[in-house]
């Protein structure tokens, strides 16, 4: 059976930089990749945690 993670961390070009089930870990990964415009995509919630990224 596939292990599906709830939170995916994507950069501004929609490339996956991380995947986890723990929101605290997801926030740490997002902070680590913030220079790439990272945001969190929540698979269970229709609203994602995406922040606008302007260069």
PDB file of N, CA and C in Angstrom:
ATOM      1  N   UNK A   1       0.828  -1.179   0.000  1.00  0.00           N
ATOM      2  CA  UNK A   1       0.000   0.000   0.000  1.00  0.00           C
ATOM      3  C   UNK A   1       0.878   1.250   0.000  1.00  0.00           C
ATOM      4  N   UNK A   2       0.480   2.221  -0.803  1.00  0.00           N
ATOM      5  CA  UNK A   2       1.252   3.458  -0.888  1.00  0.00           C
ATOM      6  C   UNK A   2       1.121   4.268   0.394  1.00  0.00           C
ATOM      7  N   UNK A   3       2.201   4.909   0.759  1.00  0.00           N
ATOM      8  CA  UNK A   3       2.190   5.798   1.922  1.00  0.00           C
ATOM      9  C   UNK A   3       1.917   7.208   1.423  1.00  0.00           C
ATOM     10  N   UNK A   4       0.702   7.691   1.596  1.00  0.00           N
ATOM     11  CA  UNK A   4       0.329   9.017   1.115  1.00  0.00           C
ATOM     12  C   UNK A   4       0.491  10.026   2.244  1.00  0.00           C
ATOM     13  N   UNK A   5       1.249  11.059   1.956  1.00  0.00           N
ATOM     14  CA  UNK A   5       1.492  12.120   2.931  1.00  0.00           C
ATOM     15  C   UNK A   5       0.452  13.209   2.753  1.00  0.00           C
ATOM     16  N   UNK A   6       0.084  13.863   3.844  1.00  0.00           N
ATOM     17  CA  UNK A   6      -0.948  14.896   3.791  1.00  0.00           C
ATOM     18  C   UNK A   6      -0.425  16.215   3.229  1.00  0.00           C
ATOM     19  N   UNK A   7       0.737  16.648   3.685  1.00  0.00           N
ATOM     20  CA  UNK A   7       1.261  17.954   3.296  1.00  0.00           C
ATOM     21  C   UNK A   7       2.374  17.806   2.276  1.00  0.00           C
ATOM     22  N   UNK A   8       2.245  18.548   1.170  1.00  0.00           N
ATOM     23  CA  UNK A   8       3.301  18.615   0.164  1.00  0.00           C
ATOM     24  C   UNK A   8       3.814  20.042   0.165  1.00  0.00           C
ATOM     25  N   UNK A   9       5.145  20.190   0.147  1.00  0.00           N
ATOM     26  CA  UNK A   9       5.747  21.506   0.097  1.00  0.00           C
ATOM     27  C   UNK A   9       6.277  21.687  -1.321  1.00  0.00           C
ATOM     28  N   UNK A  10       5.751  22.713  -1.998  1.00  0.00           N
ATOM     29  CA  UNK A  10       6.103  22.981  -3.382  1.00  0.00           C
ATOM     30  C   UNK A  10       6.758  24.349  -3.491  1.00  0.00           C
ATOM     31  N   UNK A  11       7.656  24.500  -4.488  1.00  0.00           N
ATOM     32  CA  UNK A  11       8.238  25.824  -4.699  1.00  0.00           C
ATOM     33  C   UNK A  11       7.398  26.590  -5.713  1.00  0.00           C
ATOM     34  N   UNK A  12       7.818  27.798  -6.068  1.00  0.00           N
ATOM     35  CA  UNK A  12       7.018  28.654  -6.949  1.00  0.00           C
ATOM     36  C   UNK A  12       6.846  28.072  -8.346  1.00  0.00           C
ATOM     37  N   UNK A  13       7.696  27.132  -8.737  1.00  0.00           N
ATOM     38  CA  UNK A  13       7.579  26.480 -10.045  1.00  0.00           C
ATOM     39  C   UNK A  13       6.848  25.142  -9.937  1.00  0.00           C
ATOM     40  N   UNK A  14       6.165  24.920  -8.817  1.00  0.00           N
ATOM     41  CA  UNK A  14       5.406  23.698  -8.524  1.00  0.00           C
ATOM     42  C   UNK A  14       6.255  22.432  -8.531  1.00  0.00           C
ATOM     43  N   UNK A  15       7.519  22.546  -8.157  1.00  0.00           N
ATOM     44  CA  UNK A  15       8.388  21.387  -7.968  1.00  0.00           C
ATOM     45  C   UNK A  15       8.331  20.994  -6.499  1.00  0.00           C
ATOM     46  N   UNK A  16       8.110  19.714  -6.216  1.00  0.00           N
ATOM     47  CA  UNK A  16       7.987  19.251  -4.839  1.00  0.00           C
ATOM     48  C   UNK A  16       9.353  19.265  -4.152  1.00  0.00           C
ATOM     49  N   UNK A  17       9.430  19.935  -2.998  1.00  0.00           N
ATOM     50  CA  UNK A  17      10.668  19.982  -2.227  1.00  0.00           C
ATOM     51  C   UNK A  17      10.562  19.190  -0.928  1.00  0.00           C
ATOM     52  N   UNK A  18       9.362  18.745  -0.570  1.00  0.00           N
ATOM     53  CA  UNK A  18       9.180  17.953   0.636  1.00  0.00           C
ATOM     54  C   UNK A  18       7.775  17.412   0.745  1.00  0.00           C
ATOM     55  N   UNK A  19       7.630  16.400   1.608  1.00  0.00           N
ATOM     56  CA  UNK A  19       6.346  15.748   1.809  1.00  0.00           C
ATOM     57  C   UNK A  19       6.322  15.160   3.212  1.00  0.00           C
ATOM     58  N   UNK A  20       5.244  15.423   3.970  1.00  0.00           N
ATOM     59  CA  UNK A  20       5.185  14.959   5.348  1.00  0.00           C
ATOM     60  C   UNK A  20       3.740  14.901   5.839  1.00  0.00           C
ATOM     61  N   UNK A  21       3.529  14.264   6.972  1.00  0.00           N
ATOM     62  CA  UNK A  21       2.229  14.233   7.630  1.00  0.00           C
ATOM     63  C   UNK A  21       2.167  15.203   8.810  1.00  0.00           C
ATOM     64  N   UNK A  22       3.313  15.736   9.210  1.00  0.00           N
ATOM     65  CA  UNK A  22       3.409  16.605  10.382  1.00  0.00           C
ATOM     66  C   UNK A  22       3.472  18.070   9.955  1.00  0.00           C
ATOM     67  N   UNK A  23       2.528  18.886  10.425  1.00  0.00           N
ATOM     68  CA  UNK A  23       2.476  20.293  10.035  1.00  0.00           C
ATOM     69  C   UNK A  23       3.691  21.062  10.531  1.00  0.00           C
ATOM     70  N   UNK A  24       4.214  20.721  11.701  1.00  0.00           N
ATOM     71  CA  UNK A  24       5.399  21.407  12.223  1.00  0.00           C
ATOM     72  C   UNK A  24       6.600  21.180  11.304  1.00  0.00           C
ATOM     73  N   UNK A  25       6.774  19.950  10.862  1.00  0.00           N
ATOM     74  CA  UNK A  25       7.865  19.628   9.945  1.00  0.00           C
ATOM     75  C   UNK A  25       7.657  20.316   8.598  1.00  0.00           C
ATOM     76  N   UNK A  26       6.410  20.382   8.141  1.00  0.00           N
ATOM     77  CA  UNK A  26       6.088  21.052   6.880  1.00  0.00           C
ATOM     78  C   UNK A  26       6.439  22.533   6.952  1.00  0.00           C
ATOM     79  N   UNK A  27       6.155  23.163   8.085  1.00  0.00           N
ATOM     80  CA  UNK A  27       6.484  24.578   8.252  1.00  0.00           C
ATOM     81  C   UNK A  27       7.996  24.807   8.260  1.00  0.00           C
ATOM     82  N   UNK A  28       8.748  23.874   8.846  1.00  0.00           N
ATOM     83  CA  UNK A  28      10.207  23.985   8.853  1.00  0.00           C
ATOM     84  C   UNK A  28      10.765  23.874   7.434  1.00  0.00           C
ATOM     85  N   UNK A  29      10.236  22.927   6.655  1.00  0.00           N
ATOM     86  CA  UNK A  29      10.691  22.757   5.273  1.00  0.00           C
ATOM     87  C   UNK A  29      10.338  23.995   4.456  1.00  0.00           C
ATOM     88  N   UNK A  30       9.123  24.525   4.673  1.00  0.00           N
ATOM     89  CA  UNK A  30       8.703  25.731   3.962  1.00  0.00           C
ATOM     90  C   UNK A  30       9.643  26.886   4.278  1.00  0.00           C
ATOM     91  N   UNK A  31      10.013  27.032   5.536  1.00  0.00           N
ATOM     92  CA  UNK A  31      10.915  28.109   5.947  1.00  0.00           C
ATOM     93  C   UNK A  31      12.302  27.923   5.318  1.00  0.00           C
ATOM     94  N   UNK A  32      12.738  26.666   5.200  1.00  0.00           N
ATOM     95  CA  UNK A  32      14.039  26.361   4.618  1.00  0.00           C
ATOM     96  C   UNK A  32      14.093  26.741   3.130  1.00  0.00           C
ATOM     97  N   UNK A  33      12.971  26.586   2.431  1.00  0.00           N
ATOM     98  CA  UNK A  33      12.917  26.857   0.996  1.00  0.00           C
ATOM     99  C   UNK A  33      12.158  28.143   0.664  1.00  0.00           C
ATOM    100  N   UNK A  34      12.057  29.065   1.611  1.00  0.00           N
ATOM    101  CA  UNK A  34      11.287  30.289   1.370  1.00  0.00           C
ATOM    102  C   UNK A  34      11.910  31.160   0.289  1.00  0.00           C
ATOM    103  N   UNK A  35      13.210  31.051   0.074  1.00  0.00           N
ATOM    104  CA  UNK A  35      13.851  31.831  -0.992  1.00  0.00           C
ATOM    105  C   UNK A  35      13.402  31.364  -2.381  1.00  0.00           C
ATOM    106  N   UNK A  36      12.823  30.152  -2.470  1.00  0.00           N
ATOM    107  CA  UNK A  36      12.299  29.626  -3.733  1.00  0.00           C
ATOM    108  C   UNK A  36      10.788  29.852  -3.846  1.00  0.00           C
ATOM    109  N   UNK A  37      10.207  30.538  -2.878  1.00  0.00           N
ATOM    110  CA  UNK A  37       8.761  30.790  -2.918  1.00  0.00           C
ATOM    111  C   UNK A  37       7.951  29.572  -2.521  1.00  0.00           C
ATOM    112  N   UNK A  38       8.417  28.812  -1.557  1.00  0.00           N
ATOM    113  CA  UNK A  38       7.758  27.579  -1.141  1.00  0.00           C
ATOM    114  C   UNK A  38       6.411  27.841  -0.484  1.00  0.00           C
ATOM    115  N   UNK A  39       5.479  26.923  -0.704  1.00  0.00           N
ATOM    116  CA  UNK A  39       4.180  26.966  -0.052  1.00  0.00           C
ATOM    117  C   UNK A  39       3.733  25.544   0.261  1.00  0.00           C
ATOM    118  N   UNK A  40       2.761  25.417   1.167  1.00  0.00           N
ATOM    119  CA  UNK A  40       2.276  24.116   1.620  1.00  0.00           C
ATOM    120  C   UNK A  40       0.952  23.811   0.928  1.00  0.00           C
ATOM    121  N   UNK A  41       0.865  22.625   0.349  1.00  0.00           N
ATOM    122  CA  UNK A  41      -0.358  22.157  -0.274  1.00  0.00           C
ATOM    123  C   UNK A  41      -0.947  21.069   0.624  1.00  0.00           C
ATOM    124  N   UNK A  42      -2.120  21.338   1.198  1.00  0.00           N
ATOM    125  CA  UNK A  42      -2.792  20.414   2.107  1.00  0.00           C
ATOM    126  C   UNK A  42      -3.769  19.566   1.297  1.00  0.00           C
ATOM    127  N   UNK A  43      -3.529  18.265   1.202  1.00  0.00           N
ATOM    128  CA  UNK A  43      -4.363  17.393   0.385  1.00  0.00           C
ATOM    129  C   UNK A  43      -5.779  17.229   0.940  1.00  0.00           C
ATOM    130  N   UNK A  44      -5.949  17.357   2.251  1.00  0.00           N
ATOM    131  CA  UNK A  44      -7.268  17.136   2.850  1.00  0.00           C
ATOM    132  C   UNK A  44      -8.114  18.397   2.910  1.00  0.00           C
ATOM    133  N   UNK A  45      -7.485  19.540   2.750  1.00  0.00           N
ATOM    134  CA  UNK A  45      -8.200  20.802   2.831  1.00  0.00           C
ATOM    135  C   UNK A  45      -8.283  21.440   1.448  1.00  0.00           C
ATOM    136  N   UNK A  46      -9.437  21.965   1.104  1.00  0.00           N
ATOM    137  CA  UNK A  46      -9.565  22.602  -0.197  1.00  0.00           C
ATOM    138  C   UNK A  46      -8.818  23.921  -0.254  1.00  0.00           C
ATOM    139  N   UNK A  47      -8.687  24.583   0.897  1.00  0.00           N
ATOM    140  CA  UNK A  47      -7.893  25.813   0.953  1.00  0.00           C
ATOM    141  C   UNK A  47      -6.449  25.427   1.219  1.00  0.00           C
ATOM    142  N   UNK A  48      -5.555  25.868   0.357  1.00  0.00           N
ATOM    143  CA  UNK A  48      -4.141  25.578   0.601  1.00  0.00           C
ATOM    144  C   UNK A  48      -3.505  26.751   1.333  1.00  0.00           C
ATOM    145  N   UNK A  49      -2.326  26.526   1.851  1.00  0.00           N
ATOM    146  CA  UNK A  49      -1.616  27.527   2.635  1.00  0.00           C
ATOM    147  C   UNK A  49      -0.709  28.353   1.728  1.00  0.00           C
ATOM    148  N   UNK A  50      -1.099  28.490   0.487  1.00  0.00           N
ATOM    149  CA  UNK A  50      -0.245  29.172  -0.483  1.00  0.00           C
ATOM    150  C   UNK A  50      -0.219  30.678  -0.228  1.00  0.00           C
ATOM    151  N   UNK A  51       0.962  31.213  -0.264  1.00  0.00           N
ATOM    152  CA  UNK A  51       1.164  32.655  -0.156  1.00  0.00           C
ATOM    153  C   UNK A  51       1.653  33.143  -1.516  1.00  0.00           C
ATOM    154  N   UNK A  52       1.222  34.315  -1.895  1.00  0.00           N
ATOM    155  CA  UNK A  52       1.676  34.888  -3.169  1.00  0.00           C
ATOM    156  C   UNK A  52       3.172  35.130  -3.103  1.00  0.00           C
ATOM    157  N   UNK A  53       3.853  34.875  -4.172  1.00  0.00           N
ATOM    158  CA  UNK A  53       5.295  35.051  -4.236  1.00  0.00           C
ATOM    159  C   UNK A  53       5.603  35.994  -5.400  1.00  0.00           C
ATOM    160  N   UNK A  54       6.083  37.164  -5.078  1.00  0.00           N
ATOM    161  CA  UNK A  54       6.433  38.149  -6.098  1.00  0.00           C
ATOM    162  C   UNK A  54       7.926  38.342  -6.094  1.00  0.00           C
ATOM    163  N   UNK A  55       8.509  38.412  -7.265  1.00  0.00           N
ATOM    164  CA  UNK A  55       9.958  38.616  -7.379  1.00  0.00           C
ATOM    165  C   UNK A  55      10.288  40.066  -7.309  1.00  0.00           C
TER     166      UNK A  55
END
